Each structure stands twice: as C-alpha cells, then as structure tokens.
PDB file of N, CA and C in Angstrom:
ATOM      1  N   MET A   1       0.902  63.987  22.862  1.00  0.00           N
ATOM      2  CA  MET A   1       1.257  63.163  21.728  1.00  0.00           C
ATOM      3  C   MET A   1       1.959  64.102  20.791  1.00  0.00           C
ATOM      4  N   SER A   2       2.989  63.600  20.185  1.00  0.00           N
ATOM      5  CA  SER A   2       3.726  64.317  19.139  1.00  0.00           C
ATOM      6  C   SER A   2       4.189  63.350  18.083  1.00  0.00           C
ATOM      7  N   ARG A   3       4.221  63.807  16.803  1.00  0.00           N
ATOM      8  CA  ARG A   3       4.724  63.029  15.741  1.00  0.00           C
ATOM      9  C   ARG A   3       5.315  63.912  14.652  1.00  0.00           C
ATOM     10  N   ASP A   4       6.275  63.395  13.912  1.00  0.00           N
ATOM     11  CA  ASP A   4       6.943  64.016  12.773  1.00  0.00           C
ATOM     12  C   ASP A   4       6.842  63.117  11.602  1.00  0.00           C
ATOM     13  N   ASP A   5       6.655  63.693  10.415  1.00  0.00           N
ATOM     14  CA  ASP A   5       6.624  62.915   9.190  1.00  0.00           C
ATOM     15  C   ASP A   5       7.390  63.719   8.111  1.00  0.00           C
ATOM     16  N   LEU A   6       8.235  63.028   7.400  1.00  0.00           N
ATOM     17  CA  LEU A   6       9.030  63.692   6.354  1.00  0.00           C
ATOM     18  C   LEU A   6       9.091  62.751   5.116  1.00  0.00           C
ATOM     19  N   ALA A   7       8.856  63.332   3.960  1.00  0.00           N
ATOM     20  CA  ALA A   7       8.966  62.513   2.716  1.00  0.00           C
ATOM     21  C   ALA A   7       9.712  63.383   1.703  1.00  0.00           C
ATOM     22  N   SER A   8      10.486  62.750   0.887  1.00  0.00           N
ATOM     23  CA  SER A   8      11.186  63.505  -0.157  1.00  0.00           C
ATOM     24  C   SER A   8      11.371  62.701  -1.423  1.00  0.00           C
ATOM     25  N   LEU A   9      11.563  63.389  -2.473  1.00  0.00           N
ATOM     26  CA  LEU A   9      11.795  62.833  -3.829  1.00  0.00           C
ATOM     27  C   LEU A   9      12.916  63.584  -4.473  1.00  0.00           C
ATOM     28  N   VAL A  10      13.903  62.856  -4.929  1.00  0.00           N
ATOM     29  CA  VAL A  10      15.047  63.557  -5.572  1.00  0.00           C
ATOM     30  C   VAL A  10      15.396  62.804  -6.866  1.00  0.00           C
ATOM     31  N   SER A  11      15.284  63.464  -8.001  1.00  0.00           N
ATOM     32  CA  SER A  11      15.718  62.866  -9.279  1.00  0.00           C
ATOM     33  C   SER A  11      17.198  63.068  -9.454  1.00  0.00           C
ATOM     34  N   ASN A  12      17.827  62.189 -10.173  1.00  0.00           N
ATOM     35  CA  ASN A  12      19.242  62.416 -10.495  1.00  0.00           C
ATOM     36  C   ASN A  12      19.350  63.224 -11.783  1.00  0.00           C
ATOM     37  N   ASP A  13      20.568  63.715 -12.059  1.00  0.00           N
ATOM     38  CA  ASP A  13      20.776  64.599 -13.213  1.00  0.00           C
ATOM     39  C   ASP A  13      20.566  63.976 -14.543  1.00  0.00           C
ATOM     40  N   LEU A  14      20.483  62.635 -14.589  1.00  0.00           N
ATOM     41  CA  LEU A  14      20.204  61.904 -15.823  1.00  0.00           C
ATOM     42  C   LEU A  14      18.760  61.646 -16.061  1.00  0.00           C
ATOM     43  N   SER A  15      17.884  62.019 -15.185  1.00  0.00           N
ATOM     44  CA  SER A  15      16.452  61.790 -15.341  1.00  0.00           C
ATOM     45  C   SER A  15      15.914  62.445 -16.565  1.00  0.00           C
ATOM     46  N   ARG A  16      15.011  61.769 -17.254  1.00  0.00           N
ATOM     47  CA  ARG A  16      14.404  62.305 -18.481  1.00  0.00           C
ATOM     48  C   ARG A  16      12.943  61.924 -18.462  1.00  0.00           C
ATOM     49  N   PRO A  17      12.018  62.713 -18.896  1.00  0.00           N
ATOM     50  CA  PRO A  17      12.177  63.999 -19.566  1.00  0.00           C
ATOM     51  C   PRO A  17      12.162  65.170 -18.534  1.00  0.00           C
ATOM     52  N   ILE A  18      12.097  64.841 -17.261  1.00  0.00           N
ATOM     53  CA  ILE A  18      12.009  65.912 -16.262  1.00  0.00           C
ATOM     54  C   ILE A  18      12.852  65.558 -15.022  1.00  0.00           C
ATOM     55  N   ILE A  19      13.481  66.507 -14.464  1.00  0.00           N
ATOM     56  CA  ILE A  19      14.193  66.356 -13.221  1.00  0.00           C
ATOM     57  C   ILE A  19      13.408  67.057 -12.095  1.00  0.00           C
ATOM     58  N   ALA A  20      12.961  66.296 -11.164  1.00  0.00           N
ATOM     59  CA  ALA A  20      12.019  66.793 -10.154  1.00  0.00           C
ATOM     60  C   ALA A  20      12.611  66.596  -8.712  1.00  0.00           C
ATOM     61  N   GLY A  21      12.173  67.496  -7.862  1.00  0.00           N
ATOM     62  CA  GLY A  21      12.540  67.387  -6.424  1.00  0.00           C
ATOM     63  C   GLY A  21      11.330  67.769  -5.601  1.00  0.00           C
ATOM     64  N   GLN A  22      11.134  67.089  -4.508  1.00  0.00           N
ATOM     65  CA  GLN A  22       9.996  67.422  -3.632  1.00  0.00           C
ATOM     66  C   GLN A  22      10.399  67.063  -2.194  1.00  0.00           C
ATOM     67  N   GLU A  23       9.949  67.867  -1.309  1.00  0.00           N
ATOM     68  CA  GLU A  23      10.120  67.615   0.161  1.00  0.00           C
ATOM     69  C   GLU A  23       8.855  68.075   0.868  1.00  0.00           C
ATOM     70  N   ARG A  24       8.252  67.171   1.730  1.00  0.00           N
ATOM     71  CA  ARG A  24       7.156  67.511   2.521  1.00  0.00           C
ATOM     72  C   ARG A  24       7.479  67.123   3.967  1.00  0.00           C
ATOM     73  N   SER A  25       7.058  68.004   4.880  1.00  0.00           N
ATOM     74  CA  SER A  25       7.234  67.686   6.294  1.00  0.00           C
ATOM     75  C   SER A  25       6.018  68.119   7.069  1.00  0.00           C
ATOM     76  N   PHE A  26       5.711  67.362   8.094  1.00  0.00           N
ATOM     77  CA  PHE A  26       4.503  67.622   8.930  1.00  0.00           C
ATOM     78  C   PHE A  26       4.894  67.303  10.335  1.00  0.00           C
ATOM     79  N   ARG A  27       4.662  68.250  11.259  1.00  0.00           N
ATOM     80  CA  ARG A  27       4.927  68.034  12.680  1.00  0.00           C
ATOM     81  C   ARG A  27       3.655  68.307  13.417  1.00  0.00           C
ATOM     82  N   GLU A  28       3.234  67.449  14.261  1.00  0.00           N
ATOM     83  CA  GLU A  28       1.944  67.576  14.948  1.00  0.00           C
ATOM     84  C   GLU A  28       2.119  67.313  16.445  1.00  0.00           C
ATOM     85  N   GLY A  29       1.341  68.047  17.253  1.00  0.00           N
ATOM     86  CA  GLY A  29       1.284  67.837  18.656  1.00  0.00           C
ATOM     87  C   GLY A  29      -0.156  67.885  19.129  1.00  0.00           C
ATOM     88  N   TYR A  30      -0.481  67.194  20.197  1.00  0.00           N
ATOM     89  CA  TYR A  30      -1.849  67.080  20.644  1.00  0.00           C
ATOM     90  C   TYR A  30      -1.807  67.014  22.155  1.00  0.00           C
ATOM     91  N   VAL A  31      -2.664  67.847  22.804  1.00  0.00           N
ATOM     92  CA  VAL A  31      -2.801  67.832  24.240  1.00  0.00           C
ATOM     93  C   VAL A  31      -4.236  67.849  24.613  1.00  0.00           C
ATOM     94  N   LYS A  32      -4.613  67.030  25.539  1.00  0.00           N
ATOM     95  CA  LYS A  32      -6.012  67.039  26.005  1.00  0.00           C
ATOM     96  C   LYS A  32      -6.063  66.907  27.481  1.00  0.00           C
ATOM     97  N   GLY A  33      -6.974  67.615  28.125  1.00  0.00           N
ATOM     98  CA  GLY A  33      -7.176  67.502  29.587  1.00  0.00           C
ATOM     99  C   GLY A  33      -8.640  67.667  29.906  1.00  0.00           C
ATOM    100  N   SER A  34      -9.083  66.899  30.925  1.00  0.00           N
ATOM    101  CA  SER A  34     -10.474  67.003  31.334  1.00  0.00           C
ATOM    102  C   SER A  34     -10.602  66.763  32.813  1.00  0.00           C
ATOM    103  N   VAL A  35     -11.652  67.291  33.414  1.00  0.00           N
ATOM    104  CA  VAL A  35     -11.921  67.080  34.830  1.00  0.00           C
ATOM    105  C   VAL A  35     -13.366  66.577  34.979  1.00  0.00           C
ATOM    106  N   SER A  36     -13.638  65.732  35.934  1.00  0.00           N
ATOM    107  CA  SER A  36     -14.967  65.217  36.196  1.00  0.00           C
ATOM    108  C   SER A  36     -15.272  65.422  37.644  1.00  0.00           C
ATOM    109  N   MET A  37     -16.565  65.629  37.947  1.00  0.00           N
ATOM    110  CA  MET A  37     -16.995  65.812  39.284  1.00  0.00           C
ATOM    111  C   MET A  37     -18.409  65.263  39.508  1.00  0.00           C
ATOM    112  N   HIS A  38     -18.561  64.580  40.560  1.00  0.00           N
ATOM    113  CA  HIS A  38     -19.902  63.997  40.959  1.00  0.00           C
ATOM    114  C   HIS A  38     -20.397  64.795  42.167  1.00  0.00           C
ATOM    115  N   ARG A  39     -21.576  65.435  42.008  1.00  0.00           N
ATOM    116  CA  ARG A  39     -22.134  66.241  43.060  1.00  0.00           C
ATOM    117  C   ARG A  39     -23.631  66.022  43.047  1.00  0.00           C
ATOM    118  N   ARG A  40     -24.129  65.473  44.170  1.00  0.00           N
ATOM    119  CA  ARG A  40     -25.547  65.049  44.319  1.00  0.00           C
ATOM    120  C   ARG A  40     -25.982  64.215  43.138  1.00  0.00           C
ATOM    121  N   ASN A  41     -26.911  64.748  42.366  1.00  0.00           N
ATOM    122  CA  ASN A  41     -27.397  63.922  41.208  1.00  0.00           C
ATOM    123  C   ASN A  41     -26.832  64.381  39.869  1.00  0.00           C
ATOM    124  N   HIS A  42     -25.716  65.117  39.965  1.00  0.00           N
ATOM    125  CA  HIS A  42     -25.010  65.592  38.731  1.00  0.00           C
ATOM    126  C   HIS A  42     -23.696  64.838  38.539  1.00  0.00           C
ATOM    127  N   GLU A  43     -23.384  64.511  37.276  1.00  0.00           N
ATOM    128  CA  GLU A  43     -22.078  64.048  36.939  1.00  0.00           C
ATOM    129  C   GLU A  43     -21.567  65.045  35.879  1.00  0.00           C
ATOM    130  N   LEU A  44     -20.687  65.949  36.308  1.00  0.00           N
ATOM    131  CA  LEU A  44     -20.193  67.059  35.463  1.00  0.00           C
ATOM    132  C   LEU A  44     -18.857  66.685  34.864  1.00  0.00           C
ATOM    133  N   LYS A  45     -18.623  67.117  33.650  1.00  0.00           N
ATOM    134  CA  LYS A  45     -17.319  66.879  32.995  1.00  0.00           C
ATOM    135  C   LYS A  45     -17.036  68.061  32.098  1.00  0.00           C
ATOM    136  N   ALA A  46     -15.786  68.542  32.102  1.00  0.00           N
ATOM    137  CA  ALA A  46     -15.370  69.650  31.239  1.00  0.00           C
ATOM    138  C   ALA A  46     -13.948  69.376  30.762  1.00  0.00           C
ATOM    139  N   GLY A  47     -13.576  69.931  29.610  1.00  0.00           N
ATOM    140  CA  GLY A  47     -12.208  69.702  29.120  1.00  0.00           C
ATOM    141  C   GLY A  47     -11.845  70.609  27.986  1.00  0.00           C
ATOM    142  N   LEU A  48     -10.569  70.601  27.710  1.00  0.00           N
ATOM    143  CA  LEU A  48      -9.939  71.384  26.649  1.00  0.00           C
ATOM    144  C   LEU A  48      -9.033  70.400  25.915  1.00  0.00           C
ATOM    145  N   GLU A  49      -8.900  70.682  24.576  1.00  0.00           N
ATOM    146  CA  GLU A  49      -7.907  69.953  23.772  1.00  0.00           C
ATOM    147  C   GLU A  49      -7.343  70.851  22.714  1.00  0.00           C
ATOM    148  N   VAL A  50      -6.139  70.668  22.359  1.00  0.00           N
ATOM    149  CA  VAL A  50      -5.466  71.454  21.295  1.00  0.00           C
ATOM    150  C   VAL A  50      -4.684  70.526  20.449  1.00  0.00           C
ATOM    151  N   ASP A  51      -4.942  70.652  19.129  1.00  0.00           N
ATOM    152  CA  ASP A  51      -4.152  69.924  18.097  1.00  0.00           C
ATOM    153  C   ASP A  51      -3.431  71.006  17.312  1.00  0.00           C
ATOM    154  N   TYR A  52      -2.134  70.945  17.230  1.00  0.00           N
ATOM    155  CA  TYR A  52      -1.376  71.978  16.508  1.00  0.00           C
ATOM    156  C   TYR A  52      -0.336  71.264  15.620  1.00  0.00           C
ATOM    157  N   GLY A  53      -0.024  71.943  14.572  1.00  0.00           N
ATOM    158  CA  GLY A  53       0.955  71.373  13.618  1.00  0.00           C
ATOM    159  C   GLY A  53       1.570  72.422  12.743  1.00  0.00           C
ATOM    160  N   SER A  54       2.622  71.981  12.053  1.00  0.00           N
ATOM    161  CA  SER A  54       3.239  72.829  11.043  1.00  0.00           C
ATOM    162  C   SER A  54       3.486  71.962   9.811  1.00  0.00           C
ATOM    163  N   ILE A  55       3.236  72.550   8.648  1.00  0.00           N
ATOM    164  CA  ILE A  55       3.325  71.877   7.375  1.00  0.00           C
ATOM    165  C   ILE A  55       4.301  72.665   6.485  1.00  0.00           C
ATOM    166  N   HIS A  56       5.205  71.963   5.857  1.00  0.00           N
ATOM    167  CA  HIS A  56       6.182  72.568   4.923  1.00  0.00           C
ATOM    168  C   HIS A  56       6.214  71.767   3.619  1.00  0.00           C
ATOM    169  N   GLU A  57       6.222  72.425   2.493  1.00  0.00           N
ATOM    170  CA  GLU A  57       6.328  71.720   1.245  1.00  0.00           C
ATOM    171  C   GLU A  57       7.171  72.506   0.277  1.00  0.00           C
ATOM    172  N   ARG A  58       8.044  71.814  -0.404  1.00  0.00           N
ATOM    173  CA  ARG A  58       8.870  72.370  -1.498  1.00  0.00           C
ATOM    174  C   ARG A  58       8.733  71.446  -2.682  1.00  0.00           C
ATOM    175  N   PHE A  59       8.619  72.059  -3.906  1.00  0.00           N
ATOM    176  CA  PHE A  59       8.558  71.244  -5.111  1.00  0.00           C
ATOM    177  C   PHE A  59       9.273  72.061  -6.202  1.00  0.00           C
ATOM    178  N   ASN A  60      10.026  71.380  -7.063  1.00  0.00           N
ATOM    179  CA  ASN A  60      10.694  72.061  -8.164  1.00  0.00           C
ATOM    180  C   ASN A  60      10.892  71.069  -9.292  1.00  0.00           C
ATOM    181  N   TYR A  61      11.005  71.570 -10.537  1.00  0.00           N
ATOM    182  CA  TYR A  61      11.394  70.759 -11.630  1.00  0.00           C
ATOM    183  C   TYR A  61      12.159  71.550 -12.645  1.00  0.00           C
ATOM    184  N   ILE A  62      12.878  70.817 -13.460  1.00  0.00           N
ATOM    185  CA  ILE A  62      13.618  71.328 -14.643  1.00  0.00           C
ATOM    186  C   ILE A  62      13.251  70.356 -15.800  1.00  0.00           C
ATOM    187  N   ILE A  63      12.769  70.946 -16.829  1.00  0.00           N
ATOM    188  CA  ILE A  63      12.419  70.029 -18.003  1.00  0.00           C
ATOM    189  C   ILE A  63      13.762  69.777 -18.745  1.00  0.00           C
ATOM    190  N   ALA A  64      14.085  68.480 -18.782  1.00  0.00           N
ATOM    191  CA  ALA A  64      15.334  68.077 -19.427  1.00  0.00           C
ATOM    192  C   ALA A  64      15.209  67.714 -20.897  1.00  0.00           C
ATOM    193  N   ASP A  65      13.905  67.454 -21.319  1.00  0.00           N
ATOM    194  CA  ASP A  65      13.639  67.089 -22.713  1.00  0.00           C
ATOM    195  C   ASP A  65      12.408  67.889 -23.141  1.00  0.00           C
ATOM    196  N   PRO A  66      12.550  69.176 -23.572  1.00  0.00           N
ATOM    197  CA  PRO A  66      11.432  70.057 -23.901  1.00  0.00           C
ATOM    198  C   PRO A  66      10.511  69.528 -24.999  1.00  0.00           C
ATOM    199  N   ASP A  67      11.084  68.628 -25.916  1.00  0.00           N
ATOM    200  CA  ASP A  67      10.262  68.101 -26.980  1.00  0.00           C
ATOM    201  C   ASP A  67       9.124  67.210 -26.497  1.00  0.00           C
ATOM    202  N   ARG A  68       9.176  66.746 -25.259  1.00  0.00           N
ATOM    203  CA  ARG A  68       8.177  65.827 -24.727  1.00  0.00           C
ATOM    204  C   ARG A  68       7.022  66.572 -24.054  1.00  0.00           C
ATOM    205  N   PHE A  69       7.056  67.946 -24.091  1.00  0.00           N
ATOM    206  CA  PHE A  69       6.036  68.715 -23.398  1.00  0.00           C
ATOM    207  C   PHE A  69       5.358  69.719 -24.348  1.00  0.00           C
ATOM    208  N   ASP A  70       4.198  70.149 -23.961  1.00  0.00           N
ATOM    209  CA  ASP A  70       3.449  71.093 -24.776  1.00  0.00           C
ATOM    210  C   ASP A  70       4.239  72.393 -24.882  1.00  0.00           C
ATOM    211  N   PRO A  71       4.163  73.063 -26.060  1.00  0.00           N
ATOM    212  CA  PRO A  71       4.793  74.383 -26.165  1.00  0.00           C
ATOM    213  C   PRO A  71       4.226  75.315 -25.130  1.00  0.00           C
ATOM    214  N   GLY A  72       5.091  76.139 -24.562  1.00  0.00           N
ATOM    215  CA  GLY A  72       4.609  77.040 -23.534  1.00  0.00           C
ATOM    216  C   GLY A  72       4.754  76.516 -22.144  1.00  0.00           C
ATOM    217  N   THR A  73       5.081  75.215 -21.972  1.00  0.00           N
ATOM    218  CA  THR A  73       5.297  74.703 -20.633  1.00  0.00           C
ATOM    219  C   THR A  73       6.567  75.316 -20.059  1.00  0.00           C
ATOM    220  N   PRO A  74       6.516  75.945 -18.918  1.00  0.00           N
ATOM    221  CA  PRO A  74       7.723  76.536 -18.361  1.00  0.00           C
ATOM    222  C   PRO A  74       8.828  75.568 -18.182  1.00  0.00           C
ATOM    223  N   GLY A  75      10.073  75.938 -18.481  1.00  0.00           N
ATOM    224  CA  GLY A  75      11.179  75.052 -18.390  1.00  0.00           C
ATOM    225  C   GLY A  75      11.598  74.703 -16.966  1.00  0.00           C
ATOM    226  N   THR A  76      11.287  75.622 -16.079  1.00  0.00           N
ATOM    227  CA  THR A  76      11.598  75.388 -14.668  1.00  0.00           C
ATOM    228  C   THR A  76      10.376  75.805 -13.802  1.00  0.00           C
ATOM    229  N   PHE A  77      10.292  75.296 -12.617  1.00  0.00           N
ATOM    230  CA  PHE A  77       9.238  75.619 -11.671  1.00  0.00           C
ATOM    231  C   PHE A  77       9.757  75.400 -10.277  1.00  0.00           C
ATOM    232  N   ASN A  78       9.423  76.371  -9.408  1.00  0.00           N
ATOM    233  CA  ASN A  78       9.830  76.257  -8.023  1.00  0.00           C
ATOM    234  C   ASN A  78       8.639  76.677  -7.143  1.00  0.00           C
ATOM    235  N   PHE A  79       8.352  75.923  -6.102  1.00  0.00           N
ATOM    236  CA  PHE A  79       7.291  76.224  -5.161  1.00  0.00           C
ATOM    237  C   PHE A  79       7.805  75.938  -3.748  1.00  0.00           C
ATOM    238  N   ALA A  80       7.553  76.813  -2.823  1.00  0.00           N
ATOM    239  CA  ALA A  80       7.808  76.584  -1.429  1.00  0.00           C
ATOM    240  C   ALA A  80       6.656  77.179  -0.613  1.00  0.00           C
ATOM    241  N   GLY A  81       6.093  76.443   0.275  1.00  0.00           N
ATOM    242  CA  GLY A  81       5.009  76.926   1.089  1.00  0.00           C
ATOM    243  C   GLY A  81       5.025  76.264   2.462  1.00  0.00           C
ATOM    244  N   SER A  82       4.373  76.988   3.370  1.00  0.00           N
ATOM    245  CA  SER A  82       4.249  76.402   4.735  1.00  0.00           C
ATOM    246  C   SER A  82       3.004  76.965   5.411  1.00  0.00           C
ATOM    247  N   GLY A  83       2.545  76.293   6.393  1.00  0.00           N
ATOM    248  CA  GLY A  83       1.373  76.743   7.136  1.00  0.00           C
ATOM    249  C   GLY A  83       1.364  76.172   8.552  1.00  0.00           C
ATOM    250  N   LEU A  84       0.673  76.903   9.393  1.00  0.00           N
ATOM    251  CA  LEU A  84       0.488  76.456  10.766  1.00  0.00           C
ATOM    252  C   LEU A  84      -0.956  75.985  10.936  1.00  0.00           C
ATOM    253  N   ASP A  85      -1.105  74.834  11.608  1.00  0.00           N
ATOM    254  CA  ASP A  85      -2.405  74.280  11.899  1.00  0.00           C
ATOM    255  C   ASP A  85      -2.658  74.447  13.355  1.00  0.00           C
ATOM    256  N   ARG A  86      -3.796  75.080  13.710  1.00  0.00           N
ATOM    257  CA  ARG A  86      -4.192  75.272  15.127  1.00  0.00           C
ATOM    258  C   ARG A  86      -5.647  74.891  15.223  1.00  0.00           C
ATOM    259  N   GLU A  87      -5.935  73.893  16.114  1.00  0.00           N
ATOM    260  CA  GLU A  87      -7.307  73.401  16.303  1.00  0.00           C
ATOM    261  C   GLU A  87      -7.597  73.262  17.788  1.00  0.00           C
ATOM    262  N   PRO A  88      -7.960  74.369  18.444  1.00  0.00           N
ATOM    263  CA  PRO A  88      -8.404  74.264  19.828  1.00  0.00           C
ATOM    264  C   PRO A  88      -9.888  73.823  19.965  1.00  0.00           C
ATOM    265  N   ALA A  89     -10.235  73.226  21.087  1.00  0.00           N
ATOM    266  CA  ALA A  89     -11.607  72.788  21.340  1.00  0.00           C
ATOM    267  C   ALA A  89     -11.881  72.773  22.830  1.00  0.00           C
ATOM    268  N   GLY A  90     -13.107  72.925  23.190  1.00  0.00           N
ATOM    269  CA  GLY A  90     -13.485  72.868  24.611  1.00  0.00           C
ATOM    270  C   GLY A  90     -14.875  72.260  24.725  1.00  0.00           C
ATOM    271  N   PHE A  91     -15.172  71.625  25.859  1.00  0.00           N
ATOM    272  CA  PHE A  91     -16.497  71.063  26.057  1.00  0.00           C
ATOM    273  C   PHE A  91     -16.892  71.019  27.505  1.00  0.00           C
ATOM    274  N   ALA A  92     -18.164  70.978  27.742  1.00  0.00           N
ATOM    275  CA  ALA A  92     -18.728  70.850  29.095  1.00  0.00           C
ATOM    276  C   ALA A  92     -19.987  69.979  28.965  1.00  0.00           C
ATOM    277  N   GLN A  93     -20.218  69.079  29.921  1.00  0.00           N
ATOM    278  CA  GLN A  93     -21.420  68.233  29.857  1.00  0.00           C
ATOM    279  C   GLN A  93     -21.877  67.881  31.256  1.00  0.00           C
ATOM    280  N   ASP A  94     -23.117  67.517  31.358  1.00  0.00           N
ATOM    281  CA  ASP A  94     -23.729  67.121  32.591  1.00  0.00           C
ATOM    282  C   ASP A  94     -24.659  65.942  32.378  1.00  0.00           C
ATOM    283  N   LEU A  95     -24.533  64.963  33.299  1.00  0.00           N
ATOM    284  CA  LEU A  95     -25.507  63.875  33.311  1.00  0.00           C
ATOM    285  C   LEU A  95     -26.276  64.023  34.591  1.00  0.00           C
ATOM    286  N   LEU A  96     -27.540  64.338  34.453  1.00  0.00           N
ATOM    287  CA  LEU A  96     -28.413  64.693  35.566  1.00  0.00           C
ATOM    288  C   LEU A  96     -29.406  63.525  35.782  1.00  0.00           C
ATOM    289  N   ARG A  97     -29.464  62.980  37.024  1.00  0.00           N
ATOM    290  CA  ARG A  97     -30.365  61.840  37.344  1.00  0.00           C
ATOM    291  C   ARG A  97     -31.492  62.438  38.217  1.00  0.00           C
ATOM    292  N   LEU A  98     -32.696  62.279  37.679  1.00  0.00           N
ATOM    293  CA  LEU A  98     -33.906  62.761  38.387  1.00  0.00           C
ATOM    294  C   LEU A  98     -34.891  61.616  38.538  1.00  0.00           C
ATOM    295  N   GLY A  99     -34.715  60.848  39.604  1.00  0.00           N
ATOM    296  CA  GLY A  99     -35.600  59.648  39.794  1.00  0.00           C
ATOM    297  C   GLY A  99     -35.381  58.655  38.708  1.00  0.00           C
ATOM    298  N   GLN A 100     -36.455  58.337  38.003  1.00  0.00           N
ATOM    299  CA  GLN A 100     -36.355  57.357  36.852  1.00  0.00           C
ATOM    300  C   GLN A 100     -35.866  58.031  35.584  1.00  0.00           C
ATOM    301  N   TRP A 101     -35.686  59.357  35.617  1.00  0.00           N
ATOM    302  CA  TRP A 101     -35.273  60.095  34.392  1.00  0.00           C
ATOM    303  C   TRP A 101     -33.808  60.438  34.427  1.00  0.00           C
ATOM    304  N   THR A 102     -33.186  60.394  33.292  1.00  0.00           N
ATOM    305  CA  THR A 102     -31.806  60.785  33.158  1.00  0.00           C
ATOM    306  C   THR A 102     -31.725  61.786  31.992  1.00  0.00           C
ATOM    307  N   VAL A 103     -31.081  62.966  32.305  1.00  0.00           N
ATOM    308  CA  VAL A 103     -30.902  63.948  31.266  1.00  0.00           C
ATOM    309  C   VAL A 103     -29.448  64.165  31.036  1.00  0.00           C
ATOM    310  N   SER A 104     -29.064  64.099  29.758  1.00  0.00           N
ATOM    311  CA  SER A 104     -27.649  64.299  29.421  1.00  0.00           C
ATOM    312  C   SER A 104     -27.610  65.504  28.449  1.00  0.00           C
ATOM    313  N   ALA A 105     -26.796  66.514  28.844  1.00  0.00           N
ATOM    314  CA  ALA A 105     -26.721  67.697  28.024  1.00  0.00           C
ATOM    315  C   ALA A 105     -25.258  68.196  28.022  1.00  0.00           C
ATOM    316  N   GLY A 106     -24.886  68.855  26.926  1.00  0.00           N
ATOM    317  CA  GLY A 106     -23.547  69.328  26.833  1.00  0.00           C
ATOM    318  C   GLY A 106     -23.387  70.341  25.680  1.00  0.00           C
ATOM    319  N   VAL A 107     -22.274  70.969  25.691  1.00  0.00           N
ATOM    320  CA  VAL A 107     -21.857  71.904  24.655  1.00  0.00           C
ATOM    321  C   VAL A 107     -20.449  71.649  24.261  1.00  0.00           C
ATOM    322  N   ARG A 108     -20.117  71.936  23.008  1.00  0.00           N
ATOM    323  CA  ARG A 108     -18.737  71.745  22.537  1.00  0.00           C
ATOM    324  C   ARG A 108     -18.418  72.902  21.550  1.00  0.00           C
ATOM    325  N   TRP A 109     -17.186  73.402  21.614  1.00  0.00           N
ATOM    326  CA  TRP A 109     -16.730  74.439  20.744  1.00  0.00           C
ATOM    327  C   TRP A 109     -15.491  73.957  20.058  1.00  0.00           C
ATOM    328  N   ASP A 110     -15.442  74.082  18.709  1.00  0.00           N
ATOM    329  CA  ASP A 110     -14.253  73.680  17.957  1.00  0.00           C
ATOM    330  C   ASP A 110     -13.835  74.815  17.063  1.00  0.00           C
ATOM    331  N   CYS A 111     -12.528  75.004  16.865  1.00  0.00           N
ATOM    332  CA  CYS A 111     -12.013  76.022  15.994  1.00  0.00           C
ATOM    333  C   CYS A 111     -10.933  75.384  15.091  1.00  0.00           C
ATOM    334  N   TYR A 112     -10.915  75.774  13.822  1.00  0.00           N
ATOM    335  CA  TYR A 112      -9.961  75.182  12.862  1.00  0.00           C
ATOM    336  C   TYR A 112      -9.290  76.320  12.150  1.00  0.00           C
ATOM    337  N   HIS A 113      -7.954  76.358  12.130  1.00  0.00           N
ATOM    338  CA  HIS A 113      -7.188  77.370  11.413  1.00  0.00           C
ATOM    339  C   HIS A 113      -6.074  76.665  10.664  1.00  0.00           C
ATOM    340  N   LEU A 114      -6.182  76.565   9.375  1.00  0.00           N
ATOM    341  CA  LEU A 114      -5.045  76.124   8.536  1.00  0.00           C
ATOM    342  C   LEU A 114      -5.171  76.885   7.235  1.00  0.00           C
ATOM    343  N   LEU A 115      -5.778  76.349   6.225  1.00  0.00           N
ATOM    344  CA  LEU A 115      -6.001  77.123   4.987  1.00  0.00           C
ATOM    345  C   LEU A 115      -7.235  78.022   5.108  1.00  0.00           C
ATOM    346  N   VAL A 116      -8.157  77.600   5.906  1.00  0.00           N
ATOM    347  CA  VAL A 116      -9.372  78.468   6.151  1.00  0.00           C
ATOM    348  C   VAL A 116      -9.483  78.472   7.724  1.00  0.00           C
ATOM    349  N   SER A 117     -10.302  79.425   8.209  1.00  0.00           N
ATOM    350  CA  SER A 117     -10.633  79.491   9.616  1.00  0.00           C
ATOM    351  C   SER A 117     -12.078  79.212   9.792  1.00  0.00           C
ATOM    352  N   LYS A 118     -12.426  78.204  10.600  1.00  0.00           N
ATOM    353  CA  LYS A 118     -13.810  77.891  10.864  1.00  0.00           C
ATOM    354  C   LYS A 118     -14.002  77.599  12.357  1.00  0.00           C
ATOM    355  N   ARG A 119     -15.258  77.904  12.729  1.00  0.00           N
ATOM    356  CA  ARG A 119     -15.629  77.662  14.186  1.00  0.00           C
ATOM    357  C   ARG A 119     -16.899  76.885  14.155  1.00  0.00           C
ATOM    358  N   ALA A 120     -17.130  76.001  15.185  1.00  0.00           N
ATOM    359  CA  ALA A 120     -18.345  75.254  15.281  1.00  0.00           C
ATOM    360  C   ALA A 120     -18.744  75.131  16.747  1.00  0.00           C
ATOM    361  N   ARG A 121     -20.063  75.175  16.980  1.00  0.00           N
ATOM    362  CA  ARG A 121     -20.617  75.042  18.311  1.00  0.00           C
ATOM    363  C   ARG A 121     -21.627  73.942  18.298  1.00  0.00           C
TER     364      ARG A 121
END
C-alpha cells in the first residue's frame, strides 16, 4: 500500500494583517507478509510488517500590518522541517489443541521511530 498527501496555503501579496505560506506533505508505504502452517495439533502463524513514511513541512509569514500585533512579534518567520517514520513489527503465534483444551499463545514486537523511538513487546 502506498499513499501521498499534499496540502498548501498561499496568501496573496494584498493579504492583511499577515502574509502566510504553508506546505505539508506526507508519503506513506506499508508492507505486510505472513505465513501459516498446520502441523499435528498446532496451527502456527508468523509475520512481519513495515510502515514507513516521510513528512515535510514548511511555514513562513511576513507581518504586513505591524500595528495589529503585540510589540516584539517578529516581522518575519520561516520554518522548514522533515522527518522519516519507520515502524517495523513482527509476530509469532500458535494455536495448540489438546483434547478438549485449546491454548492460544503468541508474541509481538513493535518499534516506532519518528519524533521519539519506542519499542514494545
């Protein structure tokens, strides 16, 4: 799966009290794969998935009417930033049938990297 998203804002030169511009973009991709196997009284399943993306943002302004803002407000501002999003995960599980009993057990590992890095089990 893949998707792209783009949004922008552009003020014209006659905008008052502020002339602003903004652009945001996000590109994401997702891949998942799993395998299953039935062996005797076990139903085993394992898989991997990866969600990845890139984020870009730009924002700027020029104050066109300084009388409408608090003293000390900067007359111009520019920001540009970007980040990569990486979210890999893996899992394994077993459904075990023992006569009248059924046992279901599994493990999962997730990792998140964007503004912070976190792992979960």
